[in-house]
PDB file of all heavy atoms in Angstrom:
ATOM      1  N   ASP A   1     -10.761  15.438  -9.808  1.00  0.00           N
ATOM      2  CA  ASP A   1     -10.708  16.474  -8.714  1.00  0.00           C
ATOM      3  C   ASP A   1      -9.893  15.936  -7.518  1.00  0.00           C
ATOM      4  O   ASP A   1      -9.640  14.729  -7.394  1.00  0.00           O
ATOM      5  CB  ASP A   1     -12.077  16.898  -8.374  1.00  0.00           C
ATOM      6  CG  ASP A   1     -12.988  15.844  -7.825  1.00  0.00           C
ATOM      7  OD1 ASP A   1     -12.389  14.788  -7.370  1.00  0.00           O
ATOM      8  OD2 ASP A   1     -14.185  16.029  -7.907  1.00  0.00           O
ATOM      9  N   ALA A   2      -9.614  16.946  -6.640  1.00  0.00           N
ATOM     10  CA  ALA A   2      -8.870  16.560  -5.483  1.00  0.00           C
ATOM     11  C   ALA A   2      -9.583  15.614  -4.539  1.00  0.00           C
ATOM     12  O   ALA A   2      -8.935  14.764  -3.838  1.00  0.00           O
ATOM     13  CB  ALA A   2      -8.462  17.890  -4.746  1.00  0.00           C
ATOM     14  N   THR A   3     -10.911  15.657  -4.497  1.00  0.00           N
ATOM     15  CA  THR A   3     -11.595  14.757  -3.683  1.00  0.00           C
ATOM     16  C   THR A   3     -11.395  13.380  -4.072  1.00  0.00           C
ATOM     17  O   THR A   3     -11.268  12.428  -3.228  1.00  0.00           O
ATOM     18  CB  THR A   3     -13.081  15.141  -3.674  1.00  0.00           C
ATOM     19  OG1 THR A   3     -13.311  16.487  -3.272  1.00  0.00           O
ATOM     20  CG2 THR A   3     -13.916  14.206  -2.744  1.00  0.00           C
ATOM     21  N   THR A   4     -11.444  13.086  -5.387  1.00  0.00           N
ATOM     22  CA  THR A   4     -11.263  11.697  -5.840  1.00  0.00           C
ATOM     23  C   THR A   4      -9.869  11.162  -5.438  1.00  0.00           C
ATOM     24  O   THR A   4      -9.649  10.060  -5.001  1.00  0.00           O
ATOM     25  CB  THR A   4     -11.387  11.607  -7.427  1.00  0.00           C
ATOM     26  OG1 THR A   4     -12.732  12.045  -7.691  1.00  0.00           O
ATOM     27  CG2 THR A   4     -11.257  10.179  -7.962  1.00  0.00           C
ATOM     28  N   ILE A   5      -8.824  12.050  -5.718  1.00  0.00           N
ATOM     29  CA  ILE A   5      -7.458  11.668  -5.381  1.00  0.00           C
ATOM     30  C   ILE A   5      -7.337  11.461  -3.841  1.00  0.00           C
ATOM     31  O   ILE A   5      -6.731  10.429  -3.383  1.00  0.00           O
ATOM     32  CB  ILE A   5      -6.494  12.704  -5.815  1.00  0.00           C
ATOM     33  CG1 ILE A   5      -6.525  12.850  -7.384  1.00  0.00           C
ATOM     34  CG2 ILE A   5      -5.082  12.407  -5.346  1.00  0.00           C
ATOM     35  CD1 ILE A   5      -5.744  14.059  -7.871  1.00  0.00           C
ATOM     36  N   GLY A   6      -7.970  12.333  -3.022  1.00  0.00           N
ATOM     37  CA  GLY A   6      -7.901  12.143  -1.590  1.00  0.00           C
ATOM     38  C   GLY A   6      -8.538  10.897  -1.095  1.00  0.00           C
ATOM     39  O   GLY A   6      -8.053  10.145  -0.291  1.00  0.00           O
ATOM     40  N   GLY A   7      -9.743  10.601  -1.631  1.00  0.00           N
ATOM     41  CA  GLY A   7     -10.436   9.355  -1.262  1.00  0.00           C
ATOM     42  C   GLY A   7      -9.591   8.099  -1.628  1.00  0.00           C
ATOM     43  O   GLY A   7      -9.515   7.180  -0.825  1.00  0.00           O
ATOM     44  N   PHE A   8      -8.972   8.101  -2.786  1.00  0.00           N
ATOM     45  CA  PHE A   8      -8.148   6.966  -3.166  1.00  0.00           C
ATOM     46  C   PHE A   8      -6.951   6.798  -2.214  1.00  0.00           C
ATOM     47  O   PHE A   8      -6.710   5.746  -1.774  1.00  0.00           O
ATOM     48  CB  PHE A   8      -7.627   7.224  -4.558  1.00  0.00           C
ATOM     49  CG  PHE A   8      -6.468   6.313  -5.008  1.00  0.00           C
ATOM     50  CD1 PHE A   8      -6.696   4.987  -5.285  1.00  0.00           C
ATOM     51  CD2 PHE A   8      -5.158   6.811  -4.995  1.00  0.00           C
ATOM     52  CE1 PHE A   8      -5.607   4.181  -5.640  1.00  0.00           C
ATOM     53  CE2 PHE A   8      -4.113   6.012  -5.402  1.00  0.00           C
ATOM     54  CZ  PHE A   8      -4.347   4.656  -5.621  1.00  0.00           C
ATOM     55  N   LEU A   9      -6.311   7.887  -1.818  1.00  0.00           N
ATOM     56  CA  LEU A   9      -5.135   7.822  -0.946  1.00  0.00           C
ATOM     57  C   LEU A   9      -5.504   7.279   0.436  1.00  0.00           C
ATOM     58  O   LEU A   9      -4.743   6.499   1.024  1.00  0.00           O
ATOM     59  CB  LEU A   9      -4.403   9.173  -0.827  1.00  0.00           C
ATOM     60  CG  LEU A   9      -3.770   9.656  -2.065  1.00  0.00           C
ATOM     61  CD1 LEU A   9      -3.166  11.104  -1.881  1.00  0.00           C
ATOM     62  CD2 LEU A   9      -2.672   8.727  -2.461  1.00  0.00           C
ATOM     63  N   VAL A  10      -6.723   7.693   0.984  1.00  0.00           N
ATOM     64  CA  VAL A  10      -7.111   7.250   2.262  1.00  0.00           C
ATOM     65  C   VAL A  10      -7.378   5.725   2.219  1.00  0.00           C
ATOM     66  O   VAL A  10      -7.037   4.939   3.126  1.00  0.00           O
ATOM     67  CB  VAL A  10      -8.357   8.095   2.686  1.00  0.00           C
ATOM     68  CG1 VAL A  10      -8.981   7.416   3.920  1.00  0.00           C
ATOM     69  CG2 VAL A  10      -8.061   9.503   2.976  1.00  0.00           C
ATOM     70  N   ILE A  11      -8.060   5.287   1.152  1.00  0.00           N
ATOM     71  CA  ILE A  11      -8.323   3.853   0.971  1.00  0.00           C
ATOM     72  C   ILE A  11      -7.003   3.084   0.916  1.00  0.00           C
ATOM     73  O   ILE A  11      -6.847   2.028   1.503  1.00  0.00           O
ATOM     74  CB  ILE A  11      -9.212   3.553  -0.252  1.00  0.00           C
ATOM     75  CG1 ILE A  11     -10.637   4.167  -0.008  1.00  0.00           C
ATOM     76  CG2 ILE A  11      -9.260   2.097  -0.544  1.00  0.00           C
ATOM     77  CD1 ILE A  11     -11.483   4.096  -1.242  1.00  0.00           C
ATOM     78  N   PHE A  12      -6.014   3.651   0.121  1.00  0.00           N
ATOM     79  CA  PHE A  12      -4.767   2.869   0.044  1.00  0.00           C
ATOM     80  C   PHE A  12      -4.006   2.851   1.288  1.00  0.00           C
ATOM     81  O   PHE A  12      -3.439   1.802   1.685  1.00  0.00           O
ATOM     82  CB  PHE A  12      -3.915   3.662  -1.027  1.00  0.00           C
ATOM     83  CG  PHE A  12      -2.544   2.936  -1.256  1.00  0.00           C
ATOM     84  CD1 PHE A  12      -2.485   1.741  -1.846  1.00  0.00           C
ATOM     85  CD2 PHE A  12      -1.444   3.563  -0.830  1.00  0.00           C
ATOM     86  CE1 PHE A  12      -1.275   1.154  -2.115  1.00  0.00           C
ATOM     87  CE2 PHE A  12      -0.188   2.966  -1.009  1.00  0.00           C
ATOM     88  CZ  PHE A  12      -0.086   1.741  -1.693  1.00  0.00           C
ATOM     89  N   VAL A  13      -3.998   3.853   2.215  1.00  0.00           N
ATOM     90  CA  VAL A  13      -3.364   3.810   3.454  1.00  0.00           C
ATOM     91  C   VAL A  13      -4.108   2.797   4.311  1.00  0.00           C
ATOM     92  O   VAL A  13      -3.462   2.023   5.124  1.00  0.00           O
ATOM     93  CB  VAL A  13      -3.489   5.189   4.112  1.00  0.00           C
ATOM     94  CG1 VAL A  13      -3.035   5.114   5.643  1.00  0.00           C
ATOM     95  CG2 VAL A  13      -2.627   6.198   3.446  1.00  0.00           C
ATOM     96  N   GLY A  14      -5.446   2.679   4.295  1.00  0.00           N
ATOM     97  CA  GLY A  14      -6.134   1.649   4.936  1.00  0.00           C
ATOM     98  C   GLY A  14      -5.730   0.288   4.607  1.00  0.00           C
ATOM     99  O   GLY A  14      -5.527  -0.641   5.480  1.00  0.00           O
ATOM    100  N   PHE A  15      -5.570   0.040   3.290  1.00  0.00           N
ATOM    101  CA  PHE A  15      -5.090  -1.273   2.801  1.00  0.00           C
ATOM    102  C   PHE A  15      -3.709  -1.604   3.345  1.00  0.00           C
ATOM    103  O   PHE A  15      -3.425  -2.715   3.803  1.00  0.00           O
ATOM    104  CB  PHE A  15      -5.058  -1.280   1.223  1.00  0.00           C
ATOM    105  CG  PHE A  15      -4.305  -2.367   0.639  1.00  0.00           C
ATOM    106  CD1 PHE A  15      -5.031  -3.690   0.545  1.00  0.00           C
ATOM    107  CD2 PHE A  15      -3.017  -2.260   0.211  1.00  0.00           C
ATOM    108  CE1 PHE A  15      -4.306  -4.734   0.014  1.00  0.00           C
ATOM    109  CE2 PHE A  15      -2.370  -3.405  -0.384  1.00  0.00           C
ATOM    110  CZ  PHE A  15      -2.906  -4.539  -0.422  1.00  0.00           C
ATOM    111  N   CYS A  16      -2.811  -0.564   3.331  1.00  0.00           N
ATOM    112  CA  CYS A  16      -1.437  -0.805   3.786  1.00  0.00           C
ATOM    113  C   CYS A  16      -1.429  -1.094   5.290  1.00  0.00           C
ATOM    114  O   CYS A  16      -0.637  -1.981   5.790  1.00  0.00           O
ATOM    115  CB  CYS A  16      -0.598   0.391   3.524  1.00  0.00           C
ATOM    116  SG  CYS A  16      -0.213   0.675   1.772  1.00  0.00           S
ATOM    117  N   LEU A  17      -2.282  -0.512   6.136  1.00  0.00           N
ATOM    118  CA  LEU A  17      -2.372  -0.802   7.460  1.00  0.00           C
ATOM    119  C   LEU A  17      -2.826  -2.236   7.672  1.00  0.00           C
ATOM    120  O   LEU A  17      -2.263  -3.007   8.638  1.00  0.00           O
ATOM    121  CB  LEU A  17      -3.312   0.177   8.186  1.00  0.00           C
ATOM    122  CG  LEU A  17      -2.734   1.516   8.614  1.00  0.00           C
ATOM    123  CD1 LEU A  17      -3.919   2.366   9.205  1.00  0.00           C
ATOM    124  CD2 LEU A  17      -1.688   1.284   9.677  1.00  0.00           C
ATOM    125  N   ILE A  18      -3.829  -2.661   7.019  1.00  0.00           N
ATOM    126  CA  ILE A  18      -4.376  -4.018   7.172  1.00  0.00           C
ATOM    127  C   ILE A  18      -3.377  -5.073   6.722  1.00  0.00           C
ATOM    128  O   ILE A  18      -3.147  -6.113   7.466  1.00  0.00           O
ATOM    129  CB  ILE A  18      -5.674  -4.182   6.429  1.00  0.00           C
ATOM    130  CG1 ILE A  18      -6.757  -3.388   7.069  1.00  0.00           C
ATOM    131  CG2 ILE A  18      -6.078  -5.625   6.370  1.00  0.00           C
ATOM    132  CD1 ILE A  18      -8.087  -3.388   6.339  1.00  0.00           C
ATOM    133  N   LYS A  19      -2.655  -4.843   5.613  1.00  0.00           N
ATOM    134  CA  LYS A  19      -1.713  -5.781   5.093  1.00  0.00           C
ATOM    135  C   LYS A  19      -0.202  -5.488   5.492  1.00  0.00           C
ATOM    136  O   LYS A  19       0.600  -5.973   4.824  1.00  0.00           O
ATOM    137  CB  LYS A  19      -1.880  -5.708   3.588  1.00  0.00           C
ATOM    138  CG  LYS A  19      -3.175  -6.308   3.064  1.00  0.00           C
ATOM    139  CD  LYS A  19      -3.238  -7.750   3.292  1.00  0.00           C
ATOM    140  CE  LYS A  19      -4.450  -8.439   2.564  1.00  0.00           C
ATOM    141  NZ  LYS A  19      -4.561  -9.840   2.810  1.00  0.00           N
ATOM    142  N   ARG A  20      -0.049  -4.761   6.579  1.00  0.00           N
ATOM    143  CA  ARG A  20       1.329  -4.250   6.855  1.00  0.00           C
ATOM    144  C   ARG A  20       2.304  -5.390   7.056  1.00  0.00           C
ATOM    145  O   ARG A  20       3.505  -5.270   6.565  1.00  0.00           O
ATOM    146  CB  ARG A  20       1.270  -3.283   8.081  1.00  0.00           C
ATOM    147  CG  ARG A  20       0.832  -4.003   9.361  1.00  0.00           C
ATOM    148  CD  ARG A  20       0.466  -3.017  10.472  1.00  0.00           C
ATOM    149  NE  ARG A  20       0.090  -3.761  11.688  1.00  0.00           N
ATOM    150  CZ  ARG A  20      -1.014  -4.350  11.864  1.00  0.00           C
ATOM    151  NH1 ARG A  20      -1.948  -4.396  10.879  1.00  0.00           N
ATOM    152  NH2 ARG A  20      -1.260  -5.006  13.034  1.00  0.00           N
ATOM    153  N   ARG A  21       1.906  -6.466   7.778  1.00  0.00           N
ATOM    154  CA  ARG A  21       2.826  -7.556   8.026  1.00  0.00           C
ATOM    155  C   ARG A  21       3.156  -8.290   6.698  1.00  0.00           C
ATOM    156  O   ARG A  21       4.317  -8.623   6.447  1.00  0.00           O
ATOM    157  CB  ARG A  21       2.187  -8.492   9.003  1.00  0.00           C
ATOM    158  CG  ARG A  21       2.105  -7.949  10.450  1.00  0.00           C
ATOM    159  CD  ARG A  21       1.856  -9.069  11.435  1.00  0.00           C
ATOM    160  NE  ARG A  21       1.742  -8.482  12.808  1.00  0.00           N
ATOM    161  CZ  ARG A  21       0.546  -8.179  13.372  1.00  0.00           C
ATOM    162  NH1 ARG A  21      -0.633  -8.293  12.693  1.00  0.00           N
ATOM    163  NH2 ARG A  21       0.555  -7.664  14.565  1.00  0.00           N
ATOM    164  N   GLN A  22       2.126  -8.513   5.880  1.00  0.00           N
ATOM    165  CA  GLN A  22       2.288  -9.248   4.664  1.00  0.00           C
ATOM    166  C   GLN A  22       3.210  -8.407   3.704  1.00  0.00           C
ATOM    167  O   GLN A  22       4.031  -8.927   3.034  1.00  0.00           O
ATOM    168  CB  GLN A  22       1.010  -9.633   4.025  1.00  0.00           C
ATOM    169  CG  GLN A  22       0.119 -10.583   4.815  1.00  0.00           C
ATOM    170  CD  GLN A  22      -0.794  -9.933   5.646  1.00  0.00           C
ATOM    171  OE1 GLN A  22      -0.569  -8.855   6.256  1.00  0.00           O
ATOM    172  NE2 GLN A  22      -1.979 -10.601   5.914  1.00  0.00           N
ATOM    173  N   LEU A  23       2.902  -7.144   3.671  1.00  0.00           N
ATOM    174  CA  LEU A  23       3.647  -6.233   2.790  1.00  0.00           C
ATOM    175  C   LEU A  23       5.133  -6.189   3.212  1.00  0.00           C
ATOM    176  O   LEU A  23       6.049  -6.236   2.447  1.00  0.00           O
ATOM    177  CB  LEU A  23       3.086  -4.882   2.731  1.00  0.00           C
ATOM    178  CG  LEU A  23       1.728  -4.663   1.984  1.00  0.00           C
ATOM    179  CD1 LEU A  23       1.168  -3.361   2.270  1.00  0.00           C
ATOM    180  CD2 LEU A  23       1.953  -4.939   0.484  1.00  0.00           C
ATOM    181  N   ALA A  24       5.377  -6.120   4.504  1.00  0.00           N
ATOM    182  CA  ALA A  24       6.737  -6.081   4.996  1.00  0.00           C
ATOM    183  C   ALA A  24       7.501  -7.378   4.705  1.00  0.00           C
ATOM    184  O   ALA A  24       8.699  -7.332   4.402  1.00  0.00           O
ATOM    185  CB  ALA A  24       6.757  -5.875   6.580  1.00  0.00           C
ATOM    186  N   ALA A  25       6.759  -8.423   4.815  1.00  0.00           N
ATOM    187  CA  ALA A  25       7.387  -9.777   4.501  1.00  0.00           C
ATOM    188  C   ALA A  25       7.655  -9.909   2.987  1.00  0.00           C
ATOM    189  O   ALA A  25       8.649 -10.572   2.522  1.00  0.00           O
ATOM    190  CB  ALA A  25       6.462 -10.935   4.976  1.00  0.00           C
ATOM    191  N   GLU A  26       6.898  -9.223   2.190  1.00  0.00           N
ATOM    192  CA  GLU A  26       7.070  -9.338   0.721  1.00  0.00           C
ATOM    193  C   GLU A  26       8.059  -8.386   0.153  1.00  0.00           C
ATOM    194  O   GLU A  26       8.537  -8.581  -0.964  1.00  0.00           O
ATOM    195  CB  GLU A  26       5.641  -9.134  -0.014  1.00  0.00           C
ATOM    196  CG  GLU A  26       4.637 -10.235   0.216  1.00  0.00           C
ATOM    197  CD  GLU A  26       4.895 -11.411  -0.672  1.00  0.00           C
ATOM    198  OE1 GLU A  26       5.583 -11.180  -1.722  1.00  0.00           O
ATOM    199  OE2 GLU A  26       4.508 -12.499  -0.341  1.00  0.00           O
ATOM    200  N   LEU A  27       8.321  -7.324   0.844  1.00  0.00           N
ATOM    201  CA  LEU A  27       9.106  -6.239   0.306  1.00  0.00           C
ATOM    202  C   LEU A  27      10.566  -6.810  -0.104  1.00  0.00           C
ATOM    203  O   LEU A  27      10.922  -6.394  -1.260  1.00  0.00           O
ATOM    204  CB  LEU A  27       9.382  -5.165   1.319  1.00  0.00           C
ATOM    205  CG  LEU A  27       8.203  -4.149   1.480  1.00  0.00           C
ATOM    206  CD1 LEU A  27       8.435  -3.092   2.588  1.00  0.00           C
ATOM    207  CD2 LEU A  27       7.958  -3.440   0.109  1.00  0.00           C
ATOM    208  N   PRO A  28      11.302  -7.594   0.621  1.00  0.00           N
ATOM    209  CA  PRO A  28      12.608  -8.076   0.128  1.00  0.00           C
ATOM    210  C   PRO A  28      12.434  -8.859  -1.190  1.00  0.00           C
ATOM    211  O   PRO A  28      13.185  -8.577  -2.113  1.00  0.00           O
ATOM    212  CB  PRO A  28      13.067  -8.941   1.234  1.00  0.00           C
ATOM    213  CG  PRO A  28      12.356  -8.469   2.434  1.00  0.00           C
ATOM    214  CD  PRO A  28      10.981  -8.035   1.971  1.00  0.00           C
ATOM    215  N   ALA A  29      11.444  -9.672  -1.247  1.00  0.00           N
ATOM    216  CA  ALA A  29      11.226 -10.489  -2.465  1.00  0.00           C
ATOM    217  C   ALA A  29      10.808  -9.515  -3.704  1.00  0.00           C
ATOM    218  O   ALA A  29      11.300  -9.727  -4.825  1.00  0.00           O
ATOM    219  CB  ALA A  29      10.170 -11.514  -2.328  1.00  0.00           C
ATOM    220  N   MET A  30       9.997  -8.519  -3.387  1.00  0.00           N
ATOM    221  CA  MET A  30       9.580  -7.604  -4.456  1.00  0.00           C
ATOM    222  C   MET A  30      10.849  -6.758  -4.995  1.00  0.00           C
ATOM    223  O   MET A  30      10.958  -6.583  -6.148  1.00  0.00           O
ATOM    224  CB  MET A  30       8.479  -6.684  -3.829  1.00  0.00           C
ATOM    225  CG  MET A  30       7.203  -7.425  -3.621  1.00  0.00           C
ATOM    226  SD  MET A  30       5.953  -6.351  -2.665  1.00  0.00           S
ATOM    227  CE  MET A  30       5.612  -5.057  -3.983  1.00  0.00           C
ATOM    228  N   ARG A  31      11.656  -6.320  -4.015  1.00  0.00           N
ATOM    229  CA  ARG A  31      12.830  -5.586  -4.428  1.00  0.00           C
ATOM    230  C   ARG A  31      13.808  -6.412  -5.254  1.00  0.00           C
ATOM    231  O   ARG A  31      14.322  -5.972  -6.321  1.00  0.00           O
ATOM    232  CB  ARG A  31      13.565  -5.055  -3.163  1.00  0.00           C
ATOM    233  CG  ARG A  31      12.943  -3.805  -2.602  1.00  0.00           C
ATOM    234  CD  ARG A  31      13.922  -3.140  -1.671  1.00  0.00           C
ATOM    235  NE  ARG A  31      14.210  -4.016  -0.543  1.00  0.00           N
ATOM    236  CZ  ARG A  31      13.635  -3.890   0.654  1.00  0.00           C
ATOM    237  NH1 ARG A  31      12.693  -2.953   0.817  1.00  0.00           N
ATOM    238  NH2 ARG A  31      14.011  -4.589   1.665  1.00  0.00           N
ATOM    239  N   ALA A  32      13.920  -7.701  -4.834  1.00  0.00           N
ATOM    240  CA  ALA A  32      14.848  -8.647  -5.616  1.00  0.00           C
ATOM    241  C   ALA A  32      14.265  -8.908  -6.973  1.00  0.00           C
ATOM    242  O   ALA A  32      14.991  -8.941  -8.030  1.00  0.00           O
ATOM    243  CB  ALA A  32      15.001  -9.965  -4.824  1.00  0.00           C
ATOM    244  N   ALA A  33      12.929  -9.065  -7.031  1.00  0.00           N
ATOM    245  CA  ALA A  33      12.327  -9.335  -8.320  1.00  0.00           C
ATOM    246  C   ALA A  33      12.447  -8.155  -9.319  1.00  0.00           C
ATOM    247  O   ALA A  33      12.736  -8.305 -10.449  1.00  0.00           O
ATOM    248  CB  ALA A  33      10.797  -9.657  -8.154  1.00  0.00           C
ATOM    249  N   ILE A  34      12.260  -6.969  -8.706  1.00  0.00           N
ATOM    250  CA  ILE A  34      12.394  -5.734  -9.617  1.00  0.00           C
ATOM    251  C   ILE A  34      13.849  -5.561 -10.103  1.00  0.00           C
ATOM    252  O   ILE A  34      14.106  -5.268 -11.301  1.00  0.00           O
ATOM    253  CB  ILE A  34      11.944  -4.484  -8.801  1.00  0.00           C
ATOM    254  CG1 ILE A  34      10.469  -4.539  -8.532  1.00  0.00           C
ATOM    255  CG2 ILE A  34      12.334  -3.178  -9.513  1.00  0.00           C
ATOM    256  CD1 ILE A  34       9.965  -3.445  -7.561  1.00  0.00           C
TER     257      ILE A  34
END
């Protein structure tokens, strides 16, 4: 249902906020690896 999808997206946004610096630092390497 939509509630399950919505809860998942909110949790994922929270993770991205907490890990924003590490994710930004990893993005170039992740793009190169892909």
